[in-house]
């Protein structure tokens, strides 16, 4: 049984559950302006074959993605289900992250505006707000940029920089977030992007006052939990499905 006495989902049901939330997250990213041409990729580990993952097809707008458009990718980058091709950089990054972190079900990366702007500073986020505290002592900076990530060793370096955390800021590139569910990975990306925006605005206006370390740590214990990530994604999922039900096709 799972939460509230509900029976556990079958493998097929769990796969569909993850696919639906992956497609919804991509639609939400489009709505929020996180898409940038053909760049960006979100993945969800397959529940039956955990060494494989589902990903959005290369060159298809986030706002058009449906469950039936998602691709299942093998360990060598071969498309095992679905029609389309995979972003080479997306495979390089996500394959290494999923391999290094068995606990990670989903990962999100796109070229969002404020995440990219903040990444150029090569700094971690400060705990300036309640929401930013979710990332306190739970994110890192990958302090290197060698162009488009196409080499396996570069993907491995990103995975190593991520470590056990929920997010990594890729210098001169953008944000990467992960979670034990699609909901978590997607919400952490949305929240981190907005936290980057807030800090950029605050520093442009003056000298922001950070939350005290002990308070930031206590706040992170509430705001940065997997349950909170899933909770915050729930209304967004309900709204996007109601507005764009074709994403479930």
C-alpha atoms as a PDB file:
ATOM      1  CA  UNK A   1       0.000   0.000   0.000  1.00  0.00           C
ATOM      2  CA  UNK A   2       1.115   3.597  -0.562  1.00  0.00           C
ATOM      3  CA  UNK A   3       0.121   6.849   1.204  1.00  0.00           C
ATOM      4  CA  UNK A   4      -3.349   7.036   2.778  1.00  0.00           C
ATOM      5  CA  UNK A   5      -3.918   3.303   2.269  1.00  0.00           C
ATOM      6  CA  UNK A   6      -3.858   3.478  -1.541  1.00  0.00           C
ATOM      7  CA  UNK A   7      -2.734   0.312  -3.339  1.00  0.00           C
ATOM      8  CA  UNK A   8       0.679   0.509  -4.994  1.00  0.00           C
ATOM      9  CA  UNK A   9       0.662   1.331  -8.697  1.00  0.00           C
ATOM     10  CA  UNK A  10       1.595  -1.376 -11.165  1.00  0.00           C
ATOM     11  CA  UNK A  11       4.708  -0.817 -13.271  1.00  0.00           C
ATOM     12  CA  UNK A  12       2.531   0.259 -16.210  1.00  0.00           C
ATOM     13  CA  UNK A  13       0.564   2.656 -14.018  1.00  0.00           C
ATOM     14  CA  UNK A  14       3.743   4.118 -12.526  1.00  0.00           C
ATOM     15  CA  UNK A  15       5.221   4.598 -15.996  1.00  0.00           C
ATOM     16  CA  UNK A  16       2.104   6.428 -17.153  1.00  0.00           C
ATOM     17  CA  UNK A  17       2.079   8.501 -13.960  1.00  0.00           C
ATOM     18  CA  UNK A  18       5.641   9.666 -14.569  1.00  0.00           C
ATOM     19  CA  UNK A  19       5.028  10.294 -18.273  1.00  0.00           C
ATOM     20  CA  UNK A  20       1.971  12.438 -17.569  1.00  0.00           C
ATOM     21  CA  UNK A  21       3.851  14.605 -15.105  1.00  0.00           C
ATOM     22  CA  UNK A  22       6.834  14.839 -17.431  1.00  0.00           C
ATOM     23  CA  UNK A  23       4.655  16.060 -20.297  1.00  0.00           C
ATOM     24  CA  UNK A  24       2.893  18.482 -17.931  1.00  0.00           C
ATOM     25  CA  UNK A  25       6.219  19.825 -16.645  1.00  0.00           C
ATOM     26  CA  UNK A  26       7.351  20.493 -20.210  1.00  0.00           C
ATOM     27  CA  UNK A  27       4.120  22.366 -20.941  1.00  0.00           C
ATOM     28  CA  UNK A  28       4.586  24.382 -17.741  1.00  0.00           C
ATOM     29  CA  UNK A  29       8.159  25.232 -18.705  1.00  0.00           C
ATOM     30  CA  UNK A  30       6.884  26.511 -22.049  1.00  0.00           C
ATOM     31  CA  UNK A  31       4.230  28.614 -20.343  1.00  0.00           C
ATOM     32  CA  UNK A  32       6.825  30.064 -17.964  1.00  0.00           C
ATOM     33  CA  UNK A  33       9.176  30.936 -20.807  1.00  0.00           C
ATOM     34  CA  UNK A  34      11.894  28.448 -19.913  1.00  0.00           C
ATOM     35  CA  UNK A  35      12.145  27.076 -23.452  1.00  0.00           C
ATOM     36  CA  UNK A  36      14.822  28.414 -25.780  1.00  0.00           C
ATOM     37  CA  UNK A  37      14.704  27.112 -29.324  1.00  0.00           C
ATOM     38  CA  UNK A  38      15.641  23.438 -29.363  1.00  0.00           C
ATOM     39  CA  UNK A  39      17.523  23.616 -26.055  1.00  0.00           C
ATOM     40  CA  UNK A  40      16.403  22.108 -22.771  1.00  0.00           C
ATOM     41  CA  UNK A  41      15.495  18.631 -21.620  1.00  0.00           C
ATOM     42  CA  UNK A  42      13.557  16.939 -18.838  1.00  0.00           C
ATOM     43  CA  UNK A  43      13.843  13.245 -18.036  1.00  0.00           C
ATOM     44  CA  UNK A  44      12.107  10.591 -15.941  1.00  0.00           C
ATOM     45  CA  UNK A  45      13.601   7.215 -15.117  1.00  0.00           C
ATOM     46  CA  UNK A  46      11.609   4.215 -16.357  1.00  0.00           C
ATOM     47  CA  UNK A  47      10.198   2.237 -13.386  1.00  0.00           C
ATOM     48  CA  UNK A  48      10.683  -1.166 -15.019  1.00  0.00           C
ATOM     49  CA  UNK A  49      14.098  -0.547 -16.569  1.00  0.00           C
ATOM     50  CA  UNK A  50      15.738   2.028 -14.277  1.00  0.00           C
ATOM     51  CA  UNK A  51      18.834   2.273 -16.458  1.00  0.00           C
ATOM     52  CA  UNK A  52      16.595   3.826 -19.148  1.00  0.00           C
ATOM     53  CA  UNK A  53      14.790   7.154 -19.075  1.00  0.00           C
ATOM     54  CA  UNK A  54      12.043   9.065 -20.851  1.00  0.00           C
ATOM     55  CA  UNK A  55      12.920  12.400 -22.448  1.00  0.00           C
ATOM     56  CA  UNK A  56      11.350  15.042 -24.662  1.00  0.00           C
ATOM     57  CA  UNK A  57      12.168  14.692 -28.385  1.00  0.00           C
ATOM     58  CA  UNK A  58      14.806  17.002 -29.837  1.00  0.00           C
ATOM     59  CA  UNK A  59      13.477  20.004 -31.730  1.00  0.00           C
ATOM     60  CA  UNK A  60       9.848  19.769 -30.551  1.00  0.00           C
ATOM     61  CA  UNK A  61       8.511  22.811 -28.708  1.00  0.00           C
ATOM     62  CA  UNK A  62       7.847  22.195 -25.016  1.00  0.00           C
ATOM     63  CA  UNK A  63       4.356  23.610 -25.467  1.00  0.00           C
ATOM     64  CA  UNK A  64       3.456  20.863 -27.954  1.00  0.00           C
ATOM     65  CA  UNK A  65       4.645  17.845 -26.002  1.00  0.00           C
ATOM     66  CA  UNK A  66       2.174  15.044 -25.269  1.00  0.00           C
ATOM     67  CA  UNK A  67       2.726  11.817 -23.389  1.00  0.00           C
ATOM     68  CA  UNK A  68       2.804   9.978 -26.726  1.00  0.00           C
ATOM     69  CA  UNK A  69       5.682  12.194 -27.915  1.00  0.00           C
ATOM     70  CA  UNK A  70       8.081  11.166 -25.151  1.00  0.00           C
ATOM     71  CA  UNK A  71      11.053   8.972 -26.047  1.00  0.00           C
ATOM     72  CA  UNK A  72      12.503   6.056 -24.098  1.00  0.00           C
ATOM     73  CA  UNK A  73      16.292   6.103 -24.288  1.00  0.00           C
ATOM     74  CA  UNK A  74      18.723   3.269 -23.613  1.00  0.00           C
ATOM     75  CA  UNK A  75      22.135   3.460 -21.991  1.00  0.00           C
ATOM     76  CA  UNK A  76      23.856   4.024 -25.336  1.00  0.00           C
ATOM     77  CA  UNK A  77      21.483   6.784 -26.430  1.00  0.00           C
ATOM     78  CA  UNK A  78      19.395   4.567 -28.684  1.00  0.00           C
ATOM     79  CA  UNK A  79      15.699   5.452 -28.877  1.00  0.00           C
ATOM     80  CA  UNK A  80      13.853   2.337 -27.722  1.00  0.00           C
ATOM     81  CA  UNK A  81      10.295   3.704 -27.853  1.00  0.00           C
ATOM     82  CA  UNK A  82       8.741   6.693 -29.561  1.00  0.00           C
ATOM     83  CA  UNK A  83       9.505   8.573 -32.746  1.00  0.00           C
ATOM     84  CA  UNK A  84      12.148  11.254 -32.948  1.00  0.00           C
ATOM     85  CA  UNK A  85      15.723  11.987 -31.954  1.00  0.00           C
ATOM     86  CA  UNK A  86      17.392  12.891 -28.679  1.00  0.00           C
ATOM     87  CA  UNK A  87      19.288  16.094 -27.954  1.00  0.00           C
ATOM     88  CA  UNK A  88      22.925  14.870 -27.793  1.00  0.00           C
ATOM     89  CA  UNK A  89      23.782  17.227 -24.929  1.00  0.00           C
ATOM     90  CA  UNK A  90      20.633  16.180 -23.134  1.00  0.00           C
ATOM     91  CA  UNK A  91      21.609  12.529 -23.301  1.00  0.00           C
ATOM     92  CA  UNK A  92      25.164  13.253 -22.193  1.00  0.00           C
ATOM     93  CA  UNK A  93      24.078  15.210 -19.121  1.00  0.00           C
ATOM     94  CA  UNK A  94      21.063  13.192 -18.043  1.00  0.00           C
ATOM     95  CA  UNK A  95      22.574   9.758 -18.635  1.00  0.00           C
ATOM     96  CA  UNK A  96      25.484  10.581 -16.351  1.00  0.00           C
ATOM     97  CA  UNK A  97      23.262  12.138 -13.683  1.00  0.00           C
ATOM     98  CA  UNK A  98      20.887   9.156 -13.652  1.00  0.00           C
ATOM     99  CA  UNK A  99      23.802   6.734 -13.545  1.00  0.00           C
ATOM    100  CA  UNK A 100      25.504   8.541 -10.677  1.00  0.00           C
ATOM    101  CA  UNK A 101      22.344   9.056  -8.634  1.00  0.00           C
ATOM    102  CA  UNK A 102      20.122   5.938  -8.345  1.00  0.00           C
ATOM    103  CA  UNK A 103      17.817   7.950  -6.072  1.00  0.00           C
ATOM    104  CA  UNK A 104      17.070  10.448  -8.836  1.00  0.00           C
ATOM    105  CA  UNK A 105      13.875   9.689 -10.738  1.00  0.00           C
ATOM    106  CA  UNK A 106      13.813  12.929 -12.719  1.00  0.00           C
ATOM    107  CA  UNK A 107      16.109  15.726 -13.833  1.00  0.00           C
ATOM    108  CA  UNK A 108      15.357  19.107 -15.390  1.00  0.00           C
ATOM    109  CA  UNK A 109      17.534  21.495 -17.369  1.00  0.00           C
ATOM    110  CA  UNK A 110      16.576  24.333 -19.660  1.00  0.00           C
ATOM    111  CA  UNK A 111      18.022  27.648 -20.731  1.00  0.00           C
ATOM    112  CA  UNK A 112      15.833  29.869 -18.562  1.00  0.00           C
ATOM    113  CA  UNK A 113      16.628  33.588 -18.522  1.00  0.00           C
ATOM    114  CA  UNK A 114      17.362  34.268 -14.864  1.00  0.00           C
ATOM    115  CA  UNK A 115      19.105  30.957 -14.283  1.00  0.00           C
ATOM    116  CA  UNK A 116      21.453  31.747 -17.150  1.00  0.00           C
ATOM    117  CA  UNK A 117      22.034  35.277 -15.911  1.00  0.00           C
ATOM    118  CA  UNK A 118      22.818  34.088 -12.392  1.00  0.00           C
ATOM    119  CA  UNK A 119      25.051  31.285 -13.699  1.00  0.00           C
ATOM    120  CA  UNK A 120      27.456  33.821 -15.206  1.00  0.00           C
ATOM    121  CA  UNK A 121      28.403  34.918 -11.682  1.00  0.00           C
ATOM    122  CA  UNK A 122      29.658  31.470 -10.710  1.00  0.00           C
ATOM    123  CA  UNK A 123      28.082  31.804  -7.259  1.00  0.00           C
ATOM    124  CA  UNK A 124      25.701  29.805  -5.135  1.00  0.00           C
ATOM    125  CA  UNK A 125      22.352  31.341  -4.235  1.00  0.00           C
ATOM    126  CA  UNK A 126      22.112  33.119  -0.892  1.00  0.00           C
ATOM    127  CA  UNK A 127      19.228  32.386   1.512  1.00  0.00           C
ATOM    128  CA  UNK A 128      17.483  35.700   0.868  1.00  0.00           C
ATOM    129  CA  UNK A 129      13.890  34.471   1.051  1.00  0.00           C
ATOM    130  CA  UNK A 130      11.868  31.624   2.482  1.00  0.00           C
ATOM    131  CA  UNK A 131      11.739  30.009  -0.935  1.00  0.00           C
ATOM    132  CA  UNK A 132      15.479  30.344  -1.556  1.00  0.00           C
ATOM    133  CA  UNK A 133      16.110  28.603   1.762  1.00  0.00           C
ATOM    134  CA  UNK A 134      14.930  25.370   0.094  1.00  0.00           C
ATOM    135  CA  UNK A 135      18.331  25.304  -1.610  1.00  0.00           C
ATOM    136  CA  UNK A 136      20.404  26.213   1.435  1.00  0.00           C
ATOM    137  CA  UNK A 137      23.367  23.823   1.672  1.00  0.00           C
ATOM    138  CA  UNK A 138      21.627  21.664  -0.952  1.00  0.00           C
ATOM    139  CA  UNK A 139      23.017  22.986  -4.223  1.00  0.00           C
ATOM    140  CA  UNK A 140      26.417  23.497  -5.821  1.00  0.00           C
ATOM    141  CA  UNK A 141      28.159  25.299  -8.664  1.00  0.00           C
ATOM    142  CA  UNK A 142      29.780  23.516 -11.589  1.00  0.00           C
ATOM    143  CA  UNK A 143      32.584  25.997 -12.088  1.00  0.00           C
ATOM    144  CA  UNK A 144      33.568  25.241 -15.630  1.00  0.00           C
ATOM    145  CA  UNK A 145      32.307  25.789 -19.150  1.00  0.00           C
ATOM    146  CA  UNK A 146      33.868  24.096 -22.155  1.00  0.00           C
ATOM    147  CA  UNK A 147      31.100  24.638 -24.672  1.00  0.00           C
ATOM    148  CA  UNK A 148      28.139  22.417 -25.486  1.00  0.00           C
ATOM    149  CA  UNK A 149      28.171  19.301 -23.288  1.00  0.00           C
ATOM    150  CA  UNK A 150      28.782  16.469 -25.749  1.00  0.00           C
ATOM    151  CA  UNK A 151      31.595  14.493 -24.106  1.00  0.00           C
ATOM    152  CA  UNK A 152      30.844  11.754 -21.589  1.00  0.00           C
ATOM    153  CA  UNK A 153      33.517  13.027 -19.216  1.00  0.00           C
ATOM    154  CA  UNK A 154      31.863  16.455 -19.154  1.00  0.00           C
ATOM    155  CA  UNK A 155      28.540  14.871 -18.231  1.00  0.00           C
ATOM    156  CA  UNK A 156      30.318  12.899 -15.528  1.00  0.00           C
ATOM    157  CA  UNK A 157      31.894  16.090 -14.159  1.00  0.00           C
ATOM    158  CA  UNK A 158      28.474  17.725 -13.942  1.00  0.00           C
ATOM    159  CA  UNK A 159      27.080  14.695 -12.128  1.00  0.00           C
ATOM    160  CA  UNK A 160      30.028  14.790  -9.726  1.00  0.00           C
ATOM    161  CA  UNK A 161      29.509  18.511  -9.096  1.00  0.00           C
ATOM    162  CA  UNK A 162      25.833  17.902  -8.351  1.00  0.00           C
ATOM    163  CA  UNK A 163      26.833  15.413  -5.666  1.00  0.00           C
ATOM    164  CA  UNK A 164      23.965  14.447  -3.338  1.00  0.00           C
ATOM    165  CA  UNK A 165      22.143  17.772  -3.736  1.00  0.00           C
ATOM    166  CA  UNK A 166      18.935  18.772  -5.477  1.00  0.00           C
ATOM    167  CA  UNK A 167      20.473  21.298  -7.869  1.00  0.00           C
ATOM    168  CA  UNK A 168      23.628  22.522  -9.536  1.00  0.00           C
ATOM    169  CA  UNK A 169      24.279  25.882 -11.150  1.00  0.00           C
ATOM    170  CA  UNK A 170      26.172  25.293 -14.403  1.00  0.00           C
ATOM    171  CA  UNK A 171      28.424  28.320 -14.846  1.00  0.00           C
ATOM    172  CA  UNK A 172      27.705  30.245 -18.063  1.00  0.00           C
ATOM    173  CA  UNK A 173      25.003  27.702 -18.889  1.00  0.00           C
ATOM    174  CA  UNK A 174      22.030  27.563 -16.504  1.00  0.00           C
ATOM    175  CA  UNK A 175      20.359  25.404 -13.889  1.00  0.00           C
ATOM    176  CA  UNK A 176      19.976  21.666 -13.396  1.00  0.00           C
ATOM    177  CA  UNK A 177      17.640  20.237 -10.774  1.00  0.00           C
ATOM    178  CA  UNK A 178      16.831  16.680  -9.737  1.00  0.00           C
ATOM    179  CA  UNK A 179      14.347  14.865  -7.552  1.00  0.00           C
ATOM    180  CA  UNK A 180      12.896  11.577  -6.433  1.00  0.00           C
ATOM    181  CA  UNK A 181       9.892  12.331  -8.625  1.00  0.00           C
ATOM    182  CA  UNK A 182       9.137  14.396 -11.706  1.00  0.00           C
ATOM    183  CA  UNK A 183       7.173  16.768  -9.494  1.00  0.00           C
ATOM    184  CA  UNK A 184      10.171  17.504  -7.310  1.00  0.00           C
ATOM    185  CA  UNK A 185      12.652  18.063 -10.130  1.00  0.00           C
ATOM    186  CA  UNK A 186      10.242  20.352 -11.976  1.00  0.00           C
ATOM    187  CA  UNK A 187       9.269  22.360  -8.914  1.00  0.00           C
ATOM    188  CA  UNK A 188      12.880  22.823  -7.785  1.00  0.00           C
ATOM    189  CA  UNK A 189      13.708  24.190 -11.218  1.00  0.00           C
ATOM    190  CA  UNK A 190      10.777  26.623 -11.170  1.00  0.00           C
ATOM    191  CA  UNK A 191      11.597  27.750  -7.634  1.00  0.00           C
ATOM    192  CA  UNK A 192      15.321  28.060  -8.284  1.00  0.00           C
ATOM    193  CA  UNK A 193      14.746  30.108 -11.431  1.00  0.00           C
ATOM    194  CA  UNK A 194      12.577  32.509  -9.441  1.00  0.00           C
ATOM    195  CA  UNK A 195      15.103  32.627  -6.615  1.00  0.00           C
ATOM    196  CA  UNK A 196      17.757  33.632  -9.161  1.00  0.00           C
ATOM    197  CA  UNK A 197      15.439  36.366 -10.392  1.00  0.00           C
ATOM    198  CA  UNK A 198      14.797  37.639  -6.868  1.00  0.00           C
ATOM    199  CA  UNK A 199      18.484  37.751  -5.960  1.00  0.00           C
ATOM    200  CA  UNK A 200      19.399  39.544  -9.180  1.00  0.00           C
ATOM    201  CA  UNK A 201      16.681  42.139  -8.498  1.00  0.00           C
ATOM    202  CA  UNK A 202      17.635  42.517  -4.848  1.00  0.00           C
ATOM    203  CA  UNK A 203      21.329  43.005  -5.582  1.00  0.00           C
ATOM    204  CA  UNK A 204      20.527  45.486  -8.335  1.00  0.00           C
ATOM    205  CA  UNK A 205      18.459  47.513  -5.856  1.00  0.00           C
ATOM    206  CA  UNK A 206      20.925  47.447  -2.966  1.00  0.00           C
ATOM    207  CA  UNK A 207      22.542  45.120  -0.462  1.00  0.00           C
ATOM    208  CA  UNK A 208      20.098  42.354   0.492  1.00  0.00           C
ATOM    209  CA  UNK A 209      20.001  41.014   4.052  1.00  0.00           C
ATOM    210  CA  UNK A 210      20.302  37.208   4.079  1.00  0.00           C
ATOM    211  CA  UNK A 211      18.454  34.891   6.411  1.00  0.00           C
ATOM    212  CA  UNK A 212      20.602  33.866   9.390  1.00  0.00           C
ATOM    213  CA  UNK A 213      22.313  30.464   8.872  1.00  0.00           C
ATOM    214  CA  UNK A 214      20.465  28.681  11.685  1.00  0.00           C
ATOM    215  CA  UNK A 215      17.124  30.015  10.486  1.00  0.00           C
ATOM    216  CA  UNK A 216      17.953  29.185   6.860  1.00  0.00           C
ATOM    217  CA  UNK A 217      18.813  25.622   7.853  1.00  0.00           C
ATOM    218  CA  UNK A 218      15.575  25.224   9.814  1.00  0.00           C
ATOM    219  CA  UNK A 219      13.555  26.712   6.954  1.00  0.00           C
ATOM    220  CA  UNK A 220      15.235  24.340   4.486  1.00  0.00           C
ATOM    221  CA  UNK A 221      14.078  21.429   6.639  1.00  0.00           C
ATOM    222  CA  UNK A 222      10.507  22.483   5.818  1.00  0.00           C
ATOM    223  CA  UNK A 223      10.677  24.163   2.414  1.00  0.00           C
ATOM    224  CA  UNK A 224      13.280  21.892   0.846  1.00  0.00           C
ATOM    225  CA  UNK A 225      11.780  18.469   1.488  1.00  0.00           C
ATOM    226  CA  UNK A 226      10.657  16.072  -1.259  1.00  0.00           C
ATOM    227  CA  UNK A 227       7.101  16.285   0.095  1.00  0.00           C
ATOM    228  CA  UNK A 228       7.142  20.075  -0.274  1.00  0.00           C
ATOM    229  CA  UNK A 229       8.392  19.784  -3.836  1.00  0.00           C
ATOM    230  CA  UNK A 230       5.544  17.425  -4.715  1.00  0.00           C
ATOM    231  CA  UNK A 231       2.996  19.602  -2.910  1.00  0.00           C
ATOM    232  CA  UNK A 232       3.993  22.767  -4.737  1.00  0.00           C
ATOM    233  CA  UNK A 233       3.845  21.031  -8.108  1.00  0.00           C
ATOM    234  CA  UNK A 234       0.354  19.636  -7.495  1.00  0.00           C
ATOM    235  CA  UNK A 235      -1.703  22.799  -8.229  1.00  0.00           C
ATOM    236  CA  UNK A 236       0.444  23.575 -11.259  1.00  0.00           C
ATOM    237  CA  UNK A 237      -0.189  20.096 -12.629  1.00  0.00           C
ATOM    238  CA  UNK A 238      -3.938  20.338 -12.037  1.00  0.00           C
ATOM    239  CA  UNK A 239      -4.107  23.719 -13.747  1.00  0.00           C
ATOM    240  CA  UNK A 240      -2.074  22.805 -16.838  1.00  0.00           C
ATOM    241  CA  UNK A 241      -4.006  19.552 -17.340  1.00  0.00           C
ATOM    242  CA  UNK A 242      -7.316  21.413 -17.059  1.00  0.00           C
ATOM    243  CA  UNK A 243      -6.158  24.072 -19.518  1.00  0.00           C
ATOM    244  CA  UNK A 244      -4.337  21.755 -21.965  1.00  0.00           C
ATOM    245  CA  UNK A 245      -5.770  18.231 -21.557  1.00  0.00           C
ATOM    246  CA  UNK A 246      -4.266  17.077 -24.863  1.00  0.00           C
ATOM    247  CA  UNK A 247      -0.908  16.764 -23.111  1.00  0.00           C
ATOM    248  CA  UNK A 248      -2.193  13.476 -21.650  1.00  0.00           C
ATOM    249  CA  UNK A 249      -2.710  11.937 -25.115  1.00  0.00           C
END
